[in-house]
Amino acid sequence: MFDLNSMNKTHLDAIREIGNIGAGNAATSLSALLGYPVEIDIPQAELVSIYELDSYYDDPDSVYTAVFASSDNEEPFNFMLLVKEDAVGELVNLLVSKQFGMQMDISTMPQEMVDSALGEIGNILLGSFLNSINGLLGITSGITTPSVTHDMLASILSIVSAMFGQYGDIALVTKSSLNVMAPGKSESESLDANILLASEPQALEKLLKTLGVL
């Protein structure tokens, strides 16, 4: 089995490039969905101890919404969309106003409706990211039905730690940030949606071999 400890700079650069392509596709899809420009940050890819993962992205006690999904092939790629809880309302409002031409107060919306909207956003973004990987591998795979959870970041990332913990004490952590340039917001106030690629060693090994770096 592929050992994550054996990954070098060339391997990590290849993963970052995948993140760049995938985030570009996701940004285009999100922009079309919301009707506003979406910019991407430089993707990250690093090896981190699973015991330090809960504080890698942000304050572990901060509350996030996470949308989980995987590819439906034999060696799946796992994805997570992370959005800070205090930005969820505005993101959902942008979607509702684009689709129905009206603003809604998220506090009056049933939680099932909010989560349904977030699931739709996650399905489109994560599906677009997956399509980039499908294109690189020359395969066809779909995305599973997204699941939505609201929790402290440490609890959300414990799922990733447990997954990598089956194979050792190192996790390959990635982040591709999408910045929604909503109306009336400056660049520093943009809404951030972060896509994490957290795939098991077998899937990563196949991907790196296809790219010719392994």
N, C-alpha and C. Protein backbone atom coordinates (compact mmCIF):
# COMPACT_ATOMS: atom_id res chain seq x y z
N MET A 1 0.84 -1.20 0.00
CA MET A 1 0.00 0.00 0.00
C MET A 1 0.87 1.25 0.00
N PHE A 2 0.44 2.25 -0.71
CA PHE A 2 1.16 3.51 -0.81
C PHE A 2 1.33 4.14 0.56
N ASP A 3 2.57 4.52 0.89
CA ASP A 3 2.89 5.11 2.19
C ASP A 3 2.96 6.63 2.03
N LEU A 4 2.08 7.33 2.75
CA LEU A 4 2.06 8.80 2.65
C LEU A 4 3.38 9.41 3.08
N ASN A 5 4.11 8.73 3.97
CA ASN A 5 5.41 9.25 4.41
C ASN A 5 6.42 9.32 3.27
N SER A 6 6.15 8.59 2.19
CA SER A 6 7.09 8.57 1.06
C SER A 6 6.83 9.72 0.08
N MET A 7 5.78 10.51 0.31
CA MET A 7 5.47 11.60 -0.60
C MET A 7 6.53 12.69 -0.53
N ASN A 8 6.92 13.18 -1.71
CA ASN A 8 7.94 14.23 -1.76
C ASN A 8 7.35 15.50 -2.38
N LYS A 9 8.22 16.49 -2.60
CA LYS A 9 7.76 17.78 -3.12
C LYS A 9 7.07 17.64 -4.48
N THR A 10 7.59 16.75 -5.32
CA THR A 10 7.00 16.54 -6.64
C THR A 10 5.57 16.02 -6.52
N HIS A 11 5.37 15.09 -5.60
CA HIS A 11 4.02 14.54 -5.39
C HIS A 11 3.07 15.62 -4.88
N LEU A 12 3.53 16.41 -3.92
CA LEU A 12 2.68 17.45 -3.35
C LEU A 12 2.37 18.54 -4.38
N ASP A 13 3.35 18.85 -5.21
CA ASP A 13 3.10 19.83 -6.29
C ASP A 13 2.03 19.32 -7.25
N ALA A 14 2.07 18.02 -7.52
CA ALA A 14 1.06 17.43 -8.42
C ALA A 14 -0.33 17.52 -7.79
N ILE A 15 -0.43 17.26 -6.48
CA ILE A 15 -1.72 17.35 -5.79
C ILE A 15 -2.21 18.80 -5.80
N ARG A 16 -1.29 19.76 -5.61
CA ARG A 16 -1.69 21.17 -5.65
C ARG A 16 -2.23 21.55 -7.03
N GLU A 17 -1.62 21.01 -8.06
CA GLU A 17 -2.08 21.32 -9.42
C GLU A 17 -3.47 20.73 -9.65
N ILE A 18 -3.71 19.53 -9.12
CA ILE A 18 -5.05 18.95 -9.20
C ILE A 18 -6.04 19.86 -8.47
N GLY A 19 -5.62 20.35 -7.31
CA GLY A 19 -6.47 21.27 -6.57
C GLY A 19 -6.75 22.54 -7.34
N ASN A 20 -5.76 23.01 -8.06
CA ASN A 20 -5.92 24.23 -8.85
C ASN A 20 -6.93 24.02 -9.98
N ILE A 21 -6.81 22.89 -10.68
CA ILE A 21 -7.73 22.59 -11.78
C ILE A 21 -9.14 22.35 -11.23
N GLY A 22 -9.22 21.54 -10.16
CA GLY A 22 -10.52 21.24 -9.58
C GLY A 22 -11.21 22.47 -9.03
N ALA A 23 -10.45 23.33 -8.35
CA ALA A 23 -11.02 24.56 -7.79
C ALA A 23 -11.48 25.50 -8.90
N GLY A 24 -10.73 25.52 -9.99
CA GLY A 24 -11.13 26.36 -11.12
C GLY A 24 -12.47 25.93 -11.68
N ASN A 25 -12.65 24.62 -11.84
CA ASN A 25 -13.94 24.10 -12.31
C ASN A 25 -15.06 24.40 -11.32
N ALA A 26 -14.75 24.21 -10.03
CA ALA A 26 -15.76 24.46 -9.00
C ALA A 26 -16.13 25.94 -8.95
N ALA A 27 -15.14 26.82 -9.09
CA ALA A 27 -15.40 28.26 -9.06
C ALA A 27 -16.30 28.68 -10.21
N THR A 28 -16.07 28.11 -11.39
CA THR A 28 -16.91 28.42 -12.55
C THR A 28 -18.34 27.98 -12.30
N SER A 29 -18.50 26.79 -11.70
CA SER A 29 -19.84 26.27 -11.41
C SER A 29 -20.54 27.11 -10.35
N LEU A 30 -19.81 27.51 -9.31
CA LEU A 30 -20.40 28.30 -8.24
C LEU A 30 -20.79 29.68 -8.74
N SER A 31 -19.97 30.26 -9.59
CA SER A 31 -20.28 31.57 -10.16
C SER A 31 -21.56 31.51 -10.99
N ALA A 32 -21.71 30.44 -11.78
CA ALA A 32 -22.92 30.28 -12.58
C ALA A 32 -24.14 30.05 -11.68
N LEU A 33 -23.94 29.34 -10.57
CA LEU A 33 -25.03 29.03 -9.66
C LEU A 33 -25.53 30.27 -8.93
N LEU A 34 -24.59 31.12 -8.48
CA LEU A 34 -24.96 32.27 -7.67
C LEU A 34 -25.10 33.56 -8.46
N GLY A 35 -24.44 33.62 -9.63
CA GLY A 35 -24.53 34.82 -10.45
C GLY A 35 -23.56 35.90 -10.06
N TYR A 36 -22.49 35.54 -9.32
CA TYR A 36 -21.48 36.52 -8.90
C TYR A 36 -20.09 35.95 -9.16
N PRO A 37 -19.09 36.84 -9.33
CA PRO A 37 -17.72 36.35 -9.56
C PRO A 37 -17.22 35.52 -8.38
N VAL A 38 -16.44 34.50 -8.68
CA VAL A 38 -15.83 33.64 -7.66
C VAL A 38 -14.34 33.52 -7.98
N GLU A 39 -13.52 33.87 -7.03
CA GLU A 39 -12.07 33.78 -7.21
C GLU A 39 -11.53 32.60 -6.41
N ILE A 40 -10.34 32.11 -6.80
CA ILE A 40 -9.73 30.99 -6.07
C ILE A 40 -8.38 31.42 -5.53
N ASP A 41 -8.05 30.89 -4.35
CA ASP A 41 -6.73 31.09 -3.77
C ASP A 41 -5.80 29.98 -4.25
N ILE A 42 -4.51 30.16 -4.00
CA ILE A 42 -3.54 29.12 -4.36
C ILE A 42 -3.81 27.89 -3.50
N PRO A 43 -4.06 26.73 -4.11
CA PRO A 43 -4.37 25.52 -3.33
C PRO A 43 -3.20 25.11 -2.43
N GLN A 44 -3.54 24.48 -1.32
CA GLN A 44 -2.55 23.98 -0.38
C GLN A 44 -2.55 22.46 -0.40
N ALA A 45 -1.40 21.86 -0.12
CA ALA A 45 -1.29 20.41 0.03
C ALA A 45 -0.08 20.13 0.90
N GLU A 46 -0.33 19.56 2.07
CA GLU A 46 0.76 19.30 3.01
C GLU A 46 0.51 18.00 3.76
N LEU A 47 1.58 17.45 4.29
CA LEU A 47 1.48 16.28 5.16
C LEU A 47 1.50 16.77 6.60
N VAL A 48 0.49 16.37 7.37
CA VAL A 48 0.33 16.85 8.74
C VAL A 48 0.01 15.66 9.64
N SER A 49 0.52 15.69 10.86
CA SER A 49 0.18 14.66 11.83
C SER A 49 -1.33 14.66 12.07
N ILE A 50 -1.92 13.47 12.16
CA ILE A 50 -3.36 13.39 12.42
C ILE A 50 -3.71 13.97 13.78
N TYR A 51 -2.71 14.07 14.66
CA TYR A 51 -2.95 14.62 16.00
C TYR A 51 -2.95 16.14 16.00
N GLU A 52 -2.54 16.75 14.90
CA GLU A 52 -2.51 18.21 14.80
C GLU A 52 -3.53 18.72 13.78
N LEU A 53 -4.27 17.81 13.20
CA LEU A 53 -5.16 18.18 12.10
C LEU A 53 -6.30 19.09 12.56
N ASP A 54 -6.76 18.91 13.81
CA ASP A 54 -7.93 19.68 14.26
C ASP A 54 -7.68 21.17 14.34
N SER A 55 -6.40 21.59 14.37
CA SER A 55 -6.10 23.02 14.45
C SER A 55 -5.39 23.53 13.19
N TYR A 56 -5.39 22.70 12.13
CA TYR A 56 -4.65 23.08 10.92
C TYR A 56 -5.33 24.19 10.15
N TYR A 57 -6.65 24.13 10.02
CA TYR A 57 -7.36 25.06 9.16
C TYR A 57 -7.81 26.33 9.88
N ASP A 58 -8.14 26.20 11.16
CA ASP A 58 -8.72 27.33 11.88
C ASP A 58 -8.78 26.95 13.36
N ASP A 59 -9.34 27.84 14.16
CA ASP A 59 -9.57 27.55 15.57
C ASP A 59 -10.44 26.30 15.67
N PRO A 60 -9.97 25.26 16.36
CA PRO A 60 -10.74 24.01 16.41
C PRO A 60 -12.11 24.16 17.06
N ASP A 61 -12.31 25.22 17.85
CA ASP A 61 -13.60 25.42 18.50
C ASP A 61 -14.57 26.25 17.65
N SER A 62 -14.11 26.77 16.51
CA SER A 62 -15.00 27.54 15.64
C SER A 62 -16.02 26.62 14.99
N VAL A 63 -17.21 27.15 14.76
CA VAL A 63 -18.31 26.33 14.23
C VAL A 63 -18.37 26.44 12.71
N TYR A 64 -18.44 25.30 12.07
CA TYR A 64 -18.47 25.23 10.61
C TYR A 64 -19.66 24.38 10.15
N THR A 65 -20.02 24.60 8.92
CA THR A 65 -20.91 23.68 8.22
C THR A 65 -20.05 22.88 7.25
N ALA A 66 -20.24 21.58 7.22
CA ALA A 66 -19.48 20.72 6.32
C ALA A 66 -20.43 19.92 5.45
N VAL A 67 -20.09 19.81 4.18
CA VAL A 67 -20.83 18.98 3.24
C VAL A 67 -19.87 17.88 2.77
N PHE A 68 -20.24 16.62 3.01
CA PHE A 68 -19.40 15.48 2.66
C PHE A 68 -19.96 14.77 1.42
N ALA A 69 -19.03 14.30 0.58
CA ALA A 69 -19.43 13.47 -0.56
C ALA A 69 -18.20 12.69 -1.03
N SER A 70 -18.45 11.62 -1.76
CA SER A 70 -17.37 10.80 -2.31
C SER A 70 -17.70 10.42 -3.73
N SER A 71 -16.66 10.04 -4.47
CA SER A 71 -16.93 9.46 -5.78
C SER A 71 -17.48 8.06 -5.57
N ASP A 72 -18.20 7.54 -6.56
CA ASP A 72 -18.86 6.25 -6.38
C ASP A 72 -18.11 5.10 -7.03
N ASN A 73 -16.82 5.26 -7.25
CA ASN A 73 -16.03 4.17 -7.84
C ASN A 73 -15.40 3.31 -6.75
N GLU A 74 -14.66 2.28 -7.15
CA GLU A 74 -14.14 1.29 -6.20
C GLU A 74 -13.11 1.90 -5.26
N GLU A 75 -12.27 2.81 -5.75
CA GLU A 75 -11.29 3.50 -4.92
C GLU A 75 -11.68 4.97 -4.87
N PRO A 76 -12.58 5.31 -3.94
CA PRO A 76 -13.21 6.63 -3.99
C PRO A 76 -12.32 7.78 -3.57
N PHE A 77 -12.62 8.93 -4.13
CA PHE A 77 -12.06 10.19 -3.68
C PHE A 77 -13.09 10.84 -2.75
N ASN A 78 -12.61 11.28 -1.60
CA ASN A 78 -13.50 11.87 -0.60
C ASN A 78 -13.35 13.38 -0.59
N PHE A 79 -14.46 14.07 -0.53
CA PHE A 79 -14.45 15.53 -0.58
C PHE A 79 -15.22 16.10 0.61
N MET A 80 -14.82 17.30 1.01
CA MET A 80 -15.52 18.01 2.06
C MET A 80 -15.56 19.50 1.69
N LEU A 81 -16.74 20.07 1.75
CA LEU A 81 -16.92 21.50 1.57
C LEU A 81 -17.08 22.11 2.96
N LEU A 82 -16.22 23.06 3.32
CA LEU A 82 -16.26 23.70 4.63
C LEU A 82 -16.64 25.17 4.48
N VAL A 83 -17.65 25.58 5.22
CA VAL A 83 -18.09 26.98 5.23
C VAL A 83 -18.30 27.39 6.67
N LYS A 84 -17.76 28.54 7.07
CA LYS A 84 -17.99 29.01 8.43
C LYS A 84 -19.48 29.21 8.66
N GLU A 85 -19.93 28.80 9.84
CA GLU A 85 -21.36 28.82 10.12
C GLU A 85 -21.96 30.22 9.96
N ASP A 86 -21.20 31.26 10.32
CA ASP A 86 -21.77 32.61 10.23
C ASP A 86 -21.86 33.12 8.80
N ALA A 87 -21.29 32.37 7.83
CA ALA A 87 -21.39 32.76 6.42
C ALA A 87 -22.44 31.95 5.68
N VAL A 88 -22.98 30.92 6.34
CA VAL A 88 -23.93 30.03 5.68
C VAL A 88 -25.19 30.76 5.23
N GLY A 89 -25.71 31.63 6.10
CA GLY A 89 -26.94 32.34 5.78
C GLY A 89 -26.83 33.17 4.52
N GLU A 90 -25.72 33.89 4.39
CA GLU A 90 -25.56 34.74 3.21
C GLU A 90 -25.38 33.90 1.95
N LEU A 91 -24.66 32.78 2.08
CA LEU A 91 -24.46 31.91 0.93
C LEU A 91 -25.79 31.33 0.45
N VAL A 92 -26.63 30.89 1.39
CA VAL A 92 -27.94 30.34 1.04
C VAL A 92 -28.82 31.44 0.44
N ASN A 93 -28.76 32.64 1.00
CA ASN A 93 -29.56 33.75 0.47
C ASN A 93 -29.17 34.08 -0.97
N LEU A 94 -27.86 34.01 -1.28
CA LEU A 94 -27.42 34.27 -2.65
C LEU A 94 -28.03 33.24 -3.60
N LEU A 95 -28.06 31.98 -3.16
CA LEU A 95 -28.63 30.92 -3.99
C LEU A 95 -30.13 31.13 -4.19
N VAL A 96 -30.84 31.42 -3.10
CA VAL A 96 -32.29 31.60 -3.17
C VAL A 96 -32.65 32.80 -4.03
N SER A 97 -31.92 33.91 -3.86
CA SER A 97 -32.22 35.11 -4.63
C SER A 97 -31.95 34.90 -6.11
N LYS A 98 -30.93 34.09 -6.44
CA LYS A 98 -30.61 33.82 -7.85
C LYS A 98 -31.69 32.92 -8.47
N GLN A 99 -32.14 31.92 -7.72
CA GLN A 99 -33.09 30.95 -8.28
C GLN A 99 -34.54 31.44 -8.24
N PHE A 100 -34.87 32.20 -7.19
CA PHE A 100 -36.28 32.58 -7.02
C PHE A 100 -36.51 34.10 -7.04
N GLY A 101 -35.43 34.87 -7.17
CA GLY A 101 -35.56 36.31 -7.25
C GLY A 101 -36.06 36.96 -5.98
N MET A 102 -35.70 36.40 -4.82
CA MET A 102 -36.16 36.97 -3.56
C MET A 102 -35.13 36.71 -2.47
N GLN A 103 -35.09 37.60 -1.48
CA GLN A 103 -34.24 37.43 -0.32
C GLN A 103 -35.05 36.75 0.79
N MET A 104 -34.38 35.90 1.55
CA MET A 104 -35.06 35.22 2.66
C MET A 104 -34.23 35.36 3.92
N ASP A 105 -34.90 35.43 5.05
CA ASP A 105 -34.24 35.44 6.35
C ASP A 105 -33.99 34.00 6.76
N ILE A 106 -32.71 33.61 6.80
CA ILE A 106 -32.39 32.21 7.06
C ILE A 106 -32.91 31.76 8.42
N SER A 107 -33.05 32.70 9.36
CA SER A 107 -33.52 32.33 10.70
C SER A 107 -34.98 31.86 10.68
N THR A 108 -35.71 32.21 9.62
CA THR A 108 -37.11 31.79 9.51
C THR A 108 -37.27 30.54 8.64
N MET A 109 -36.18 30.10 8.04
CA MET A 109 -36.25 28.93 7.17
C MET A 109 -36.10 27.64 7.97
N PRO A 110 -36.88 26.61 7.66
CA PRO A 110 -36.67 25.31 8.31
C PRO A 110 -35.24 24.82 8.05
N GLN A 111 -34.66 24.16 9.05
CA GLN A 111 -33.28 23.68 8.90
C GLN A 111 -33.15 22.73 7.71
N GLU A 112 -34.20 21.96 7.44
CA GLU A 112 -34.15 21.03 6.31
C GLU A 112 -34.00 21.78 4.99
N MET A 113 -34.62 22.95 4.89
CA MET A 113 -34.52 23.75 3.66
C MET A 113 -33.11 24.33 3.51
N VAL A 114 -32.57 24.80 4.63
CA VAL A 114 -31.20 25.33 4.60
C VAL A 114 -30.22 24.24 4.19
N ASP A 115 -30.34 23.07 4.82
CA ASP A 115 -29.42 21.97 4.51
C ASP A 115 -29.61 21.47 3.08
N SER A 116 -30.84 21.52 2.57
CA SER A 116 -31.08 21.13 1.19
C SER A 116 -30.35 22.06 0.23
N ALA A 117 -30.39 23.37 0.53
CA ALA A 117 -29.69 24.33 -0.31
C ALA A 117 -28.18 24.12 -0.23
N LEU A 118 -27.68 23.85 0.96
CA LEU A 118 -26.25 23.60 1.12
C LEU A 118 -25.84 22.32 0.40
N GLY A 119 -26.71 21.31 0.46
CA GLY A 119 -26.43 20.07 -0.25
C GLY A 119 -26.36 20.29 -1.75
N GLU A 120 -27.23 21.15 -2.27
CA GLU A 120 -27.20 21.45 -3.70
C GLU A 120 -25.90 22.15 -4.08
N ILE A 121 -25.50 23.12 -3.24
CA ILE A 121 -24.24 23.82 -3.50
C ILE A 121 -23.08 22.84 -3.45
N GLY A 122 -23.07 21.98 -2.43
CA GLY A 122 -21.99 21.00 -2.31
C GLY A 122 -21.98 20.02 -3.45
N ASN A 123 -23.13 19.57 -3.88
CA ASN A 123 -23.21 18.61 -4.98
C ASN A 123 -22.62 19.19 -6.26
N ILE A 124 -22.92 20.45 -6.54
CA ILE A 124 -22.41 21.08 -7.75
C ILE A 124 -20.91 21.35 -7.65
N LEU A 125 -20.47 21.88 -6.51
CA LEU A 125 -19.04 22.20 -6.36
C LEU A 125 -18.18 20.95 -6.33
N LEU A 126 -18.56 20.00 -5.48
CA LEU A 126 -17.75 18.79 -5.34
C LEU A 126 -17.83 17.93 -6.60
N GLY A 127 -18.99 17.93 -7.26
CA GLY A 127 -19.11 17.21 -8.53
C GLY A 127 -18.22 17.81 -9.60
N SER A 128 -18.13 19.14 -9.63
CA SER A 128 -17.25 19.81 -10.59
C SER A 128 -15.79 19.48 -10.32
N PHE A 129 -15.42 19.45 -9.04
CA PHE A 129 -14.05 19.09 -8.67
C PHE A 129 -13.76 17.65 -9.11
N LEU A 130 -14.70 16.75 -8.83
CA LEU A 130 -14.52 15.35 -9.21
C LEU A 130 -14.38 15.19 -10.72
N ASN A 131 -15.13 15.96 -11.49
CA ASN A 131 -15.04 15.85 -12.94
C ASN A 131 -13.64 16.15 -13.44
N SER A 132 -12.93 17.05 -12.75
CA SER A 132 -11.54 17.34 -13.11
C SER A 132 -10.67 16.10 -12.92
N ILE A 133 -10.87 15.41 -11.81
CA ILE A 133 -10.10 14.19 -11.54
C ILE A 133 -10.48 13.10 -12.53
N ASN A 134 -11.77 12.97 -12.82
CA ASN A 134 -12.21 11.99 -13.83
C ASN A 134 -11.50 12.22 -15.16
N GLY A 135 -11.40 13.50 -15.53
CA GLY A 135 -10.74 13.83 -16.79
C GLY A 135 -9.28 13.44 -16.79
N LEU A 136 -8.59 13.64 -15.67
CA LEU A 136 -7.17 13.28 -15.57
C LEU A 136 -6.98 11.77 -15.63
N LEU A 137 -7.90 11.03 -15.00
CA LEU A 137 -7.78 9.57 -14.95
C LEU A 137 -8.40 8.88 -16.16
N GLY A 138 -9.20 9.63 -16.92
CA GLY A 138 -9.87 9.03 -18.07
C GLY A 138 -10.96 8.07 -17.65
N ILE A 139 -11.63 8.36 -16.54
CA ILE A 139 -12.69 7.48 -16.05
C ILE A 139 -13.99 8.28 -15.92
N THR A 140 -15.06 7.56 -15.65
CA THR A 140 -16.35 8.20 -15.39
C THR A 140 -16.83 7.73 -14.02
N SER A 141 -16.98 8.65 -13.11
CA SER A 141 -17.53 8.32 -11.80
C SER A 141 -18.42 9.46 -11.35
N GLY A 142 -19.45 9.11 -10.61
CA GLY A 142 -20.37 10.12 -10.12
C GLY A 142 -20.09 10.48 -8.67
N ILE A 143 -20.86 11.42 -8.15
CA ILE A 143 -20.70 11.87 -6.78
C ILE A 143 -21.85 11.30 -5.95
N THR A 144 -21.55 10.86 -4.75
CA THR A 144 -22.59 10.35 -3.87
C THR A 144 -23.47 11.50 -3.36
N THR A 145 -24.63 11.16 -2.83
CA THR A 145 -25.51 12.19 -2.28
C THR A 145 -24.83 12.87 -1.10
N PRO A 146 -24.68 14.20 -1.15
CA PRO A 146 -23.95 14.89 -0.08
C PRO A 146 -24.70 14.81 1.25
N SER A 147 -23.94 14.77 2.34
CA SER A 147 -24.51 14.87 3.68
C SER A 147 -24.00 16.16 4.31
N VAL A 148 -24.85 16.78 5.12
CA VAL A 148 -24.55 18.09 5.70
C VAL A 148 -24.52 17.97 7.22
N THR A 149 -23.51 18.59 7.84
CA THR A 149 -23.42 18.61 9.29
C THR A 149 -22.97 19.98 9.76
N HIS A 150 -23.37 20.34 10.97
CA HIS A 150 -22.95 21.60 11.59
C HIS A 150 -22.30 21.25 12.92
N ASP A 151 -21.04 21.65 13.11
CA ASP A 151 -20.34 21.26 14.33
C ASP A 151 -19.07 22.09 14.48
N MET A 152 -18.39 21.88 15.61
CA MET A 152 -17.09 22.51 15.80
C MET A 152 -16.10 21.88 14.81
N LEU A 153 -15.15 22.70 14.37
CA LEU A 153 -14.20 22.24 13.35
C LEU A 153 -13.45 21.00 13.82
N ALA A 154 -13.08 20.94 15.09
CA ALA A 154 -12.34 19.78 15.59
C ALA A 154 -13.14 18.50 15.41
N SER A 155 -14.45 18.57 15.66
CA SER A 155 -15.29 17.38 15.51
C SER A 155 -15.41 16.98 14.05
N ILE A 156 -15.54 17.96 13.18
CA ILE A 156 -15.65 17.67 11.74
C ILE A 156 -14.38 17.02 11.22
N LEU A 157 -13.24 17.57 11.61
CA LEU A 157 -11.96 17.05 11.09
C LEU A 157 -11.56 15.74 11.74
N SER A 158 -12.21 15.37 12.85
CA SER A 158 -11.91 14.08 13.46
C SER A 158 -12.27 12.94 12.51
N ILE A 159 -13.22 13.19 11.61
CA ILE A 159 -13.58 12.19 10.61
C ILE A 159 -12.41 11.94 9.67
N VAL A 160 -11.74 13.03 9.27
CA VAL A 160 -10.57 12.90 8.39
C VAL A 160 -9.43 12.21 9.14
N SER A 161 -9.22 12.60 10.40
CA SER A 161 -8.16 11.98 11.21
C SER A 161 -8.37 10.48 11.34
N ALA A 162 -9.63 10.08 11.58
CA ALA A 162 -9.93 8.65 11.73
C ALA A 162 -9.68 7.89 10.43
N MET A 163 -10.01 8.53 9.31
CA MET A 163 -9.82 7.87 8.02
C MET A 163 -8.34 7.60 7.76
N PHE A 164 -7.51 8.64 7.92
CA PHE A 164 -6.07 8.46 7.70
C PHE A 164 -5.43 7.63 8.79
N GLY A 165 -6.02 7.64 9.99
CA GLY A 165 -5.47 6.88 11.10
C GLY A 165 -5.46 5.39 10.86
N GLN A 166 -6.25 4.91 9.90
CA GLN A 166 -6.24 3.49 9.55
C GLN A 166 -4.92 3.08 8.90
N TYR A 167 -4.19 4.06 8.37
CA TYR A 167 -2.99 3.76 7.58
C TYR A 167 -1.71 4.29 8.21
N GLY A 168 -1.81 5.06 9.27
CA GLY A 168 -0.62 5.63 9.90
C GLY A 168 -0.99 6.89 10.66
N ASP A 169 0.02 7.69 10.97
CA ASP A 169 -0.24 8.90 11.76
C ASP A 169 -0.07 10.18 10.96
N ILE A 170 -0.06 10.05 9.62
CA ILE A 170 0.10 11.20 8.74
C ILE A 170 -1.14 11.35 7.85
N ALA A 171 -1.58 12.57 7.68
CA ALA A 171 -2.69 12.87 6.78
C ALA A 171 -2.21 13.80 5.68
N LEU A 172 -2.68 13.57 4.46
CA LEU A 172 -2.45 14.52 3.37
C LEU A 172 -3.60 15.52 3.43
N VAL A 173 -3.31 16.75 3.81
CA VAL A 173 -4.37 17.76 3.93
C VAL A 173 -4.26 18.74 2.77
N THR A 174 -5.38 19.02 2.20
CA THR A 174 -5.44 19.95 1.07
C THR A 174 -6.52 20.98 1.34
N LYS A 175 -6.41 22.11 0.69
CA LYS A 175 -7.47 23.11 0.76
C LYS A 175 -7.46 23.93 -0.51
N SER A 176 -8.62 24.05 -1.11
CA SER A 176 -8.81 24.93 -2.27
C SER A 176 -9.91 25.92 -1.88
N SER A 177 -9.56 27.19 -1.75
CA SER A 177 -10.50 28.20 -1.26
C SER A 177 -11.17 28.94 -2.40
N LEU A 178 -12.49 29.03 -2.34
CA LEU A 178 -13.28 29.79 -3.31
C LEU A 178 -13.82 31.02 -2.60
N ASN A 179 -13.62 32.20 -3.19
CA ASN A 179 -14.05 33.45 -2.59
C ASN A 179 -15.16 34.05 -3.43
N VAL A 180 -16.36 34.10 -2.85
CA VAL A 180 -17.53 34.64 -3.55
C VAL A 180 -17.55 36.15 -3.37
N MET A 181 -17.46 36.88 -4.48
CA MET A 181 -17.45 38.35 -4.43
C MET A 181 -18.90 38.85 -4.48
N ALA A 182 -19.57 38.74 -3.32
CA ALA A 182 -20.98 39.11 -3.24
C ALA A 182 -21.15 40.62 -3.34
N PRO A 183 -22.33 41.08 -3.76
CA PRO A 183 -22.55 42.52 -3.92
C PRO A 183 -22.41 43.25 -2.59
N GLY A 184 -21.76 44.42 -2.65
CA GLY A 184 -21.59 45.23 -1.46
C GLY A 184 -20.50 44.76 -0.53
N LYS A 185 -19.75 43.73 -0.94
CA LYS A 185 -18.69 43.20 -0.11
C LYS A 185 -17.33 43.54 -0.71
N SER A 186 -16.38 43.91 0.14
CA SER A 186 -15.01 44.13 -0.32
C SER A 186 -14.31 42.78 -0.41
N GLU A 187 -13.10 42.79 -0.98
CA GLU A 187 -12.36 41.53 -1.13
C GLU A 187 -12.12 40.88 0.22
N SER A 188 -11.85 41.68 1.26
CA SER A 188 -11.59 41.13 2.58
C SER A 188 -12.84 40.57 3.24
N GLU A 189 -14.02 40.93 2.71
CA GLU A 189 -15.28 40.46 3.28
C GLU A 189 -15.92 39.37 2.42
N SER A 190 -15.19 38.84 1.47
CA SER A 190 -15.75 37.83 0.57
C SER A 190 -16.15 36.58 1.35
N LEU A 191 -17.12 35.85 0.81
CA LEU A 191 -17.57 34.61 1.43
C LEU A 191 -16.65 33.48 0.98
N ASP A 192 -16.08 32.78 1.94
CA ASP A 192 -15.12 31.72 1.62
C ASP A 192 -15.76 30.34 1.74
N ALA A 193 -15.55 29.52 0.72
CA ALA A 193 -15.95 28.12 0.75
C ALA A 193 -14.70 27.29 0.46
N ASN A 194 -14.34 26.42 1.36
CA ASN A 194 -13.11 25.65 1.23
C ASN A 194 -13.41 24.20 0.86
N ILE A 195 -12.75 23.72 -0.18
CA ILE A 195 -12.92 22.32 -0.61
C ILE A 195 -11.69 21.53 -0.17
N LEU A 196 -11.93 20.46 0.58
CA LEU A 196 -10.86 19.58 1.02
C LEU A 196 -10.94 18.27 0.24
N LEU A 197 -9.81 17.81 -0.25
CA LEU A 197 -9.69 16.50 -0.88
C LEU A 197 -9.01 15.59 0.13
N ALA A 198 -9.73 14.62 0.65
CA ALA A 198 -9.20 13.75 1.70
C ALA A 198 -9.38 12.30 1.28
N SER A 199 -8.52 11.84 0.39
CA SER A 199 -8.71 10.52 -0.19
C SER A 199 -7.71 9.51 0.36
N GLU A 200 -8.12 8.28 0.39
CA GLU A 200 -7.30 7.22 0.95
C GLU A 200 -6.10 6.94 0.06
N PRO A 201 -5.04 6.32 0.65
CA PRO A 201 -3.78 6.13 -0.08
C PRO A 201 -3.93 5.44 -1.43
N GLN A 202 -4.82 4.44 -1.54
CA GLN A 202 -4.94 3.73 -2.81
C GLN A 202 -5.37 4.66 -3.95
N ALA A 203 -6.33 5.53 -3.65
CA ALA A 203 -6.81 6.46 -4.67
C ALA A 203 -5.73 7.47 -5.03
N LEU A 204 -4.99 7.95 -4.04
CA LEU A 204 -3.92 8.92 -4.29
C LEU A 204 -2.80 8.28 -5.11
N GLU A 205 -2.49 7.03 -4.80
CA GLU A 205 -1.44 6.33 -5.55
C GLU A 205 -1.82 6.22 -7.03
N LYS A 206 -3.05 5.84 -7.30
CA LYS A 206 -3.51 5.72 -8.68
C LYS A 206 -3.44 7.06 -9.40
N LEU A 207 -3.81 8.10 -8.70
CA LEU A 207 -3.81 9.43 -9.31
C LEU A 207 -2.38 9.88 -9.62
N LEU A 208 -1.46 9.68 -8.69
CA LEU A 208 -0.07 10.10 -8.91
C LEU A 208 0.59 9.28 -10.02
N LYS A 209 0.24 7.99 -10.13
CA LYS A 209 0.79 7.17 -11.21
C LYS A 209 0.27 7.64 -12.56
N THR A 210 -1.01 8.01 -12.60
CA THR A 210 -1.59 8.51 -13.86
C THR A 210 -0.91 9.80 -14.29
N LEU A 211 -0.55 10.62 -13.33
CA LEU A 211 0.12 11.89 -13.63
C LEU A 211 1.60 11.70 -13.97
N GLY A 212 2.11 10.48 -13.80
CA GLY A 212 3.49 10.19 -14.17
C GLY A 212 4.53 10.66 -13.18
N VAL A 213 4.12 10.87 -11.91
CA VAL A 213 5.09 11.33 -10.90
C VAL A 213 5.38 10.25 -9.86
N LEU A 214 4.85 9.04 -10.09
CA LEU A 214 5.07 7.94 -9.16
C LEU A 214 5.39 6.67 -9.94
